[in-house]
Amino acid sequence: KRIYQTLIRNNRLIGRFCLYSLLVSFLIAFTSKRVWQGEFQIVLENVQPSASSNSLSQLLKISDVTPTANPLNTEVGILESPSVLMDVFNFVKREKVLKNNNAFKKVRFKKWKESNLSIELQKNTTILNLSYRDNHKDIILPVLNKISNAYQLYSGKRRLRSIEMGIDFFEKQIAIFKEKSNISIKKANDYAYKQNLDFVNV
């Protein structure tokens, strides 16, 4: 009852407050720039252990080299880095300048990524959710296409690099074990000579 009586006594003040709040809300809604958003998903490949990667892991253990980083998080970190997305950022900067947004010239990559890009790994999956938002609707689709192309280009380079590193690693291992084999053969040959034994090198 007291609350009701208080509201009745202050009904004009409450009414003015509600009216002003409504007017301010409408003013903000009509003057604020509209923000558009587009999104797509990427399924990260080659992050699960395979037979070849298990063999490589065993050889790494033999060589006292043990990977410590989570390959999935590393992959996500690379995908959102300037090395992959800098061309996309430069494209956005050129488009903004053409639209008379000269203030964007001073925007840095980090600021642009934090304000416009959202890159998140879907929990317990290898699915990467990516969304891009901008106040220019016509730039959304070209940017998403360029990001997709950049990721595909990176993926191709990564596969090639992985193959090259694998070949290089196994060639070095072959050389190491060949040297060990030659040393063992020499020791066996010396022992056979000292003991007057016949030694056959197969």
Protein backbone atom coordinates (compact mmCIF):
# COMPACT_ATOMS: atom_id res chain seq x y z
CA LYS A 1 0.00 0.00 0.00
CA ARG A 2 2.84 2.38 0.82
CA ILE A 3 4.58 1.60 -2.47
CA TYR A 4 1.34 2.22 -4.36
CA GLN A 5 0.80 5.56 -2.60
CA THR A 6 4.43 6.57 -3.34
CA LEU A 7 3.92 5.78 -7.03
CA ILE A 8 0.70 7.80 -7.12
CA ARG A 9 2.36 10.80 -5.51
CA ASN A 10 5.29 10.67 -7.95
CA ASN A 11 3.34 9.66 -11.06
CA ARG A 12 4.34 12.79 -12.98
CA LEU A 13 8.03 12.31 -12.25
CA ILE A 14 7.85 8.64 -13.22
CA GLY A 15 5.93 9.51 -16.38
CA ARG A 16 8.53 12.09 -17.41
CA PHE A 17 11.35 9.66 -16.75
CA CYS A 18 9.69 6.96 -18.87
CA LEU A 19 8.99 9.44 -21.68
CA TYR A 20 12.55 10.76 -21.73
CA SER A 21 13.96 7.22 -21.67
CA LEU A 22 11.73 6.27 -24.60
CA LEU A 23 12.78 9.32 -26.60
CA VAL A 24 16.48 8.70 -25.92
CA SER A 25 16.09 5.03 -26.96
CA PHE A 26 14.42 6.03 -30.24
CA LEU A 27 17.09 8.66 -30.86
CA ILE A 28 19.92 6.14 -30.32
CA ALA A 29 18.18 3.54 -32.50
CA PHE A 30 17.75 5.93 -35.42
CA THR A 31 21.16 7.61 -35.23
CA SER A 32 23.30 4.51 -34.61
CA LYS A 33 24.91 2.89 -37.62
CA ARG A 34 23.52 -0.51 -38.49
CA VAL A 35 25.97 -3.38 -38.13
CA TRP A 36 25.80 -6.39 -40.44
CA GLN A 37 27.26 -9.81 -39.81
CA GLY A 38 28.12 -12.85 -41.89
CA GLU A 39 29.57 -16.16 -40.79
CA PHE A 40 30.81 -19.54 -41.90
CA GLN A 41 32.41 -22.65 -40.43
CA ILE A 42 35.69 -24.44 -41.08
CA VAL A 43 36.39 -28.04 -40.20
CA LEU A 44 40.04 -28.26 -39.17
CA GLU A 45 41.72 -31.29 -40.72
CA ASN A 46 44.66 -33.44 -39.73
CA VAL A 47 44.39 -32.66 -36.04
CA GLN A 48 43.57 -36.21 -34.95
CA PRO A 49 46.45 -38.67 -34.52
CA SER A 50 46.90 -41.01 -37.48
CA ALA A 51 49.10 -44.05 -37.99
CA SER A 52 51.85 -41.96 -39.57
CA SER A 53 51.67 -39.28 -36.88
CA ASN A 54 51.84 -41.98 -34.19
CA SER A 55 54.99 -43.36 -35.81
CA LEU A 56 56.42 -39.85 -35.96
CA SER A 57 55.58 -39.34 -32.29
CA GLN A 58 57.44 -42.55 -31.39
CA LEU A 59 60.49 -41.38 -33.31
CA LEU A 60 60.27 -37.97 -31.62
CA LYS A 61 60.27 -39.73 -28.23
CA ILE A 62 63.33 -41.75 -29.23
CA SER A 63 65.02 -38.48 -30.20
CA ASP A 64 64.00 -36.92 -26.85
CA VAL A 65 61.76 -34.41 -28.67
CA THR A 66 58.25 -34.25 -27.20
CA PRO A 67 55.63 -31.79 -28.52
CA THR A 68 54.02 -29.76 -25.73
CA ALA A 69 51.54 -27.47 -27.53
CA ASN A 70 47.98 -28.47 -28.32
CA PRO A 71 47.99 -28.74 -32.15
CA LEU A 72 44.34 -27.65 -32.36
CA ASN A 73 44.92 -24.43 -30.43
CA THR A 74 48.08 -23.81 -32.41
CA GLU A 75 46.12 -24.19 -35.63
CA VAL A 76 43.49 -21.68 -34.48
CA GLY A 77 46.20 -19.24 -33.42
CA ILE A 78 47.82 -19.40 -36.85
CA LEU A 79 44.50 -19.01 -38.66
CA GLU A 80 43.78 -15.70 -36.89
CA SER A 81 47.31 -14.36 -37.23
CA PRO A 82 48.48 -11.54 -39.56
CA SER A 83 50.43 -14.08 -41.62
CA VAL A 84 47.10 -15.49 -42.84
CA LEU A 85 44.72 -12.52 -42.60
CA MET A 86 46.88 -9.48 -43.42
CA ASP A 87 45.80 -9.44 -47.08
CA VAL A 88 42.16 -9.47 -45.96
CA PHE A 89 42.82 -6.58 -43.58
CA ASN A 90 44.50 -4.57 -46.35
CA PHE A 91 41.49 -5.21 -48.60
CA VAL A 92 39.14 -3.91 -45.90
CA LYS A 93 41.33 -0.85 -45.40
CA ARG A 94 41.23 -0.03 -49.13
CA GLU A 95 37.45 -0.45 -49.25
CA LYS A 96 36.98 1.76 -46.18
CA VAL A 97 39.09 4.52 -47.72
CA LEU A 98 37.07 4.31 -50.94
CA LYS A 99 33.96 4.81 -48.82
CA ASN A 100 35.51 8.01 -47.40
CA ASN A 101 36.29 6.40 -44.06
CA ASN A 102 39.78 7.92 -43.84
CA ALA A 103 39.91 7.33 -40.09
CA PHE A 104 40.32 3.61 -40.84
CA LYS A 105 43.83 4.32 -42.16
CA LYS A 106 45.04 4.49 -38.56
CA VAL A 107 43.37 1.24 -37.50
CA ARG A 108 45.81 -1.56 -36.71
CA PHE A 109 45.35 -5.23 -37.52
CA LYS A 110 44.86 -6.21 -33.87
CA LYS A 111 42.17 -3.57 -33.33
CA TRP A 112 40.35 -4.60 -36.52
CA LYS A 113 40.45 -8.27 -35.58
CA GLU A 114 39.16 -7.66 -32.06
CA SER A 115 36.36 -5.33 -33.22
CA ASN A 116 35.17 -7.04 -36.39
CA LEU A 117 36.25 -10.68 -36.31
CA SER A 118 35.10 -13.49 -34.07
CA ILE A 119 37.01 -16.78 -34.36
CA GLU A 120 36.04 -19.49 -31.91
CA LEU A 121 36.54 -23.23 -31.75
CA GLN A 122 33.30 -25.09 -31.12
CA LYS A 123 33.58 -26.97 -27.85
CA ASN A 124 34.70 -30.62 -28.10
CA THR A 125 34.89 -30.44 -31.92
CA THR A 126 37.33 -29.50 -34.66
CA ILE A 127 34.79 -27.00 -36.08
CA LEU A 128 35.93 -23.40 -36.21
CA ASN A 129 33.14 -20.79 -36.14
CA LEU A 130 34.07 -17.52 -37.84
CA SER A 131 31.92 -14.39 -38.07
CA TYR A 132 32.66 -10.96 -39.53
CA ARG A 133 30.68 -7.80 -38.78
CA ASP A 134 30.81 -4.40 -40.42
CA ASN A 135 28.62 -1.32 -40.84
CA HIS A 136 28.92 -1.65 -44.63
CA LYS A 137 26.69 -4.49 -45.77
CA ASP A 138 28.28 -4.83 -49.21
CA ILE A 139 31.72 -5.61 -47.77
CA ILE A 140 30.65 -8.61 -45.70
CA LEU A 141 30.51 -11.26 -48.44
CA PRO A 142 33.78 -10.26 -50.19
CA VAL A 143 35.61 -10.30 -46.84
CA LEU A 144 34.23 -13.74 -45.94
CA ASN A 145 35.25 -15.07 -49.36
CA LYS A 146 38.75 -13.67 -48.97
CA ILE A 147 39.10 -15.18 -45.51
CA SER A 148 37.95 -18.54 -46.85
CA ASN A 149 40.45 -18.33 -49.74
CA ALA A 150 43.23 -17.32 -47.34
CA TYR A 151 42.50 -20.34 -45.15
CA GLN A 152 42.46 -22.67 -48.14
CA LEU A 153 45.79 -21.25 -49.33
CA TYR A 154 47.27 -21.66 -45.87
CA SER A 155 45.94 -25.22 -45.63
CA GLY A 156 47.63 -26.13 -48.93
CA LYS A 157 50.92 -24.58 -47.84
CA ARG A 158 50.67 -26.31 -44.47
CA ARG A 159 50.16 -29.72 -46.08
CA LEU A 160 53.13 -29.15 -48.38
CA ARG A 161 55.27 -27.94 -45.48
CA SER A 162 54.21 -30.94 -43.39
CA ILE A 163 55.22 -33.32 -46.18
CA GLU A 164 58.57 -31.55 -46.64
CA MET A 165 59.28 -31.62 -42.90
CA GLY A 166 58.32 -35.31 -42.74
CA ILE A 167 60.65 -36.18 -45.61
CA ASP A 168 63.45 -34.11 -44.09
CA PHE A 169 62.94 -35.73 -40.68
CA PHE A 170 63.01 -39.29 -42.02
CA GLU A 171 66.03 -38.57 -44.23
CA LYS A 172 67.91 -37.33 -41.17
CA GLN A 173 66.82 -40.41 -39.20
CA ILE A 174 67.97 -42.70 -42.02
CA ALA A 175 71.36 -40.95 -42.04
CA ILE A 176 71.65 -41.28 -38.25
CA PHE A 177 70.79 -44.99 -38.20
CA LYS A 178 72.99 -45.65 -41.23
CA GLU A 179 75.92 -44.11 -39.37
CA LYS A 180 75.08 -46.20 -36.28
CA SER A 181 74.87 -49.29 -38.49
CA ASN A 182 78.27 -48.58 -40.04
CA ILE A 183 79.79 -48.12 -36.58
CA SER A 184 78.23 -51.41 -35.39
CA ILE A 185 79.50 -53.25 -38.50
CA LYS A 186 83.00 -51.86 -37.96
CA LYS A 187 82.97 -52.95 -34.31
CA ALA A 188 81.75 -56.41 -35.29
CA ASN A 189 84.39 -56.66 -38.00
CA ASP A 190 87.17 -55.61 -35.59
CA TYR A 191 85.96 -58.12 -32.99
CA ALA A 192 85.84 -60.92 -35.58
CA TYR A 193 89.35 -60.06 -36.76
CA LYS A 194 90.75 -60.10 -33.22
CA GLN A 195 89.01 -63.38 -32.40
CA ASN A 196 89.97 -64.93 -35.74
CA LEU A 197 86.29 -65.35 -36.70
CA ASP A 198 84.65 -65.23 -40.09
CA PHE A 199 82.45 -62.13 -40.41
CA VAL A 200 79.82 -61.87 -43.11
CA ASN A 201 78.31 -58.42 -43.74
CA VAL A 202 74.76 -58.94 -45.03
